[in-house]
Amino acid sequence: MQRSGDSQNTNHVEHRRIRVKAWRVRSRRDLNALGLSVLLCVLLAGCSFDGSQSVQINQDGSGKLVEQLTYDTTPAPCNACDPDMRKAIDQQAQQLLTNFDADMQQFADKVVAEGGTSKKDTSGSQATIHFWTFTRPFTSIDQFNQFAHEVPKSLTGYVALMLHADQMTQKSKDGGTTLTTHLTGSIAMNKQGDFPIAVSDSVTVMLPGATTAVGGQQSATGITYALKNGPQAEQQAIDVTGTVTTSPPSPPSSPYRFPCTAVLLPVLVGLATFLIRRARA
C-alpha cells in the first residue's frame, strides 16, 4: 500500500517532468522559427562585417579599384545553451556564411569576366571567417565610375557607398596645363543594418599630384574615410582633389641653327686670316 506522502512526492515529480518537457518543446519551436531572441542575442552578437575600398587614379585616367570584404559568423559563447540549441545556432551561422559566399562568388565571376581578379581566404577554427578581395583595373574615368556602382549585394546590405570621379585639363595663357582630378561621394550606414552586428567600412583615395581633401585622414597611402556603426558616425561625405601642374613647353630650337653655323664659320675664319695678313704687310 502506497503511503500518502509517497503519492504527493510522485505527483510533484510528475509535475516537474511536465514543466521541463513543455519548456523544451517551446524552445524547439522557437528555434525552428528562428527565434529572434536567440538569433539576435546569441548568434549576431558574435558576427561582424568589415569592408574597405581603395581607389587609385593615375594622371592619364587609368587606375585600380580594390574592394576587400570580411564576414565573420563565429557565434558568441553561449554557456546556457543545450546541445540542440548550440547545433541550431551553428547551422544558422553556416547558412549566413553560405549566403554571403554565394553573393561574393557571383560578383567574383563578373569581376574576372571584365579583366579583374578575385581572391578568397578563410580563417577561424571552423573556417567561419571569410575574406574576399576584388581587384578591378580601369583604363578611364568613365570605366571607374561604372565599376564604382557595381558592388556586391552583401555590401549594400550594410553600407551605402557612392563614388564618382571627374577629370579636367585646363591650359594657362603661357601654355602650361593644370590637370584636376576630383572624386566625391559618401559612405553611410544602411538602415537595414540596425541590429547588433559590428559593421565597419572605409574608403582610401589616391589621386595624382598635390592632394587636398575635405574631411578624412591623410597618410602616406592617401586620404581615408572610415565608418563604424553607431549613433555618432552614420554618414561621411567624401571629397578629394588632386592637381598636377606642368610648366609651359620650351620654345623649339631653330632648324637653321646648325646649317648657319656650318656656313658662317669658314667665312669668319677666312676674314680673320685676311685681316691678320693685311696688318703684317
Foldseek 3Di string as FASTA:
>chain_A
DDDPVVVVVVVVVVVVVVVVVVVVVVVVVCLVVVNPCCCFVWFQLFKAKEKEWEWEAELQAKTKIKIKIKIARDTDDDPPDDPVSVVSSVVVLVVVVVVVVVLVVVLQVVLVVQPKHKDWDFDDPVRRMIMMMIMHIDRHQVVVQVVQPDDGPVCVLFKDWHKHKDWDWDADPLAKIKIKIKMKIKIFTDPNPPGNHKYKYKYFYHYPADKDWDDADQDPRGGMDMAIDDPVGGMDITIMMHMDIDDHDDDDDDPCPVVVCVVVVVVVVVVVVVVVVVVVD
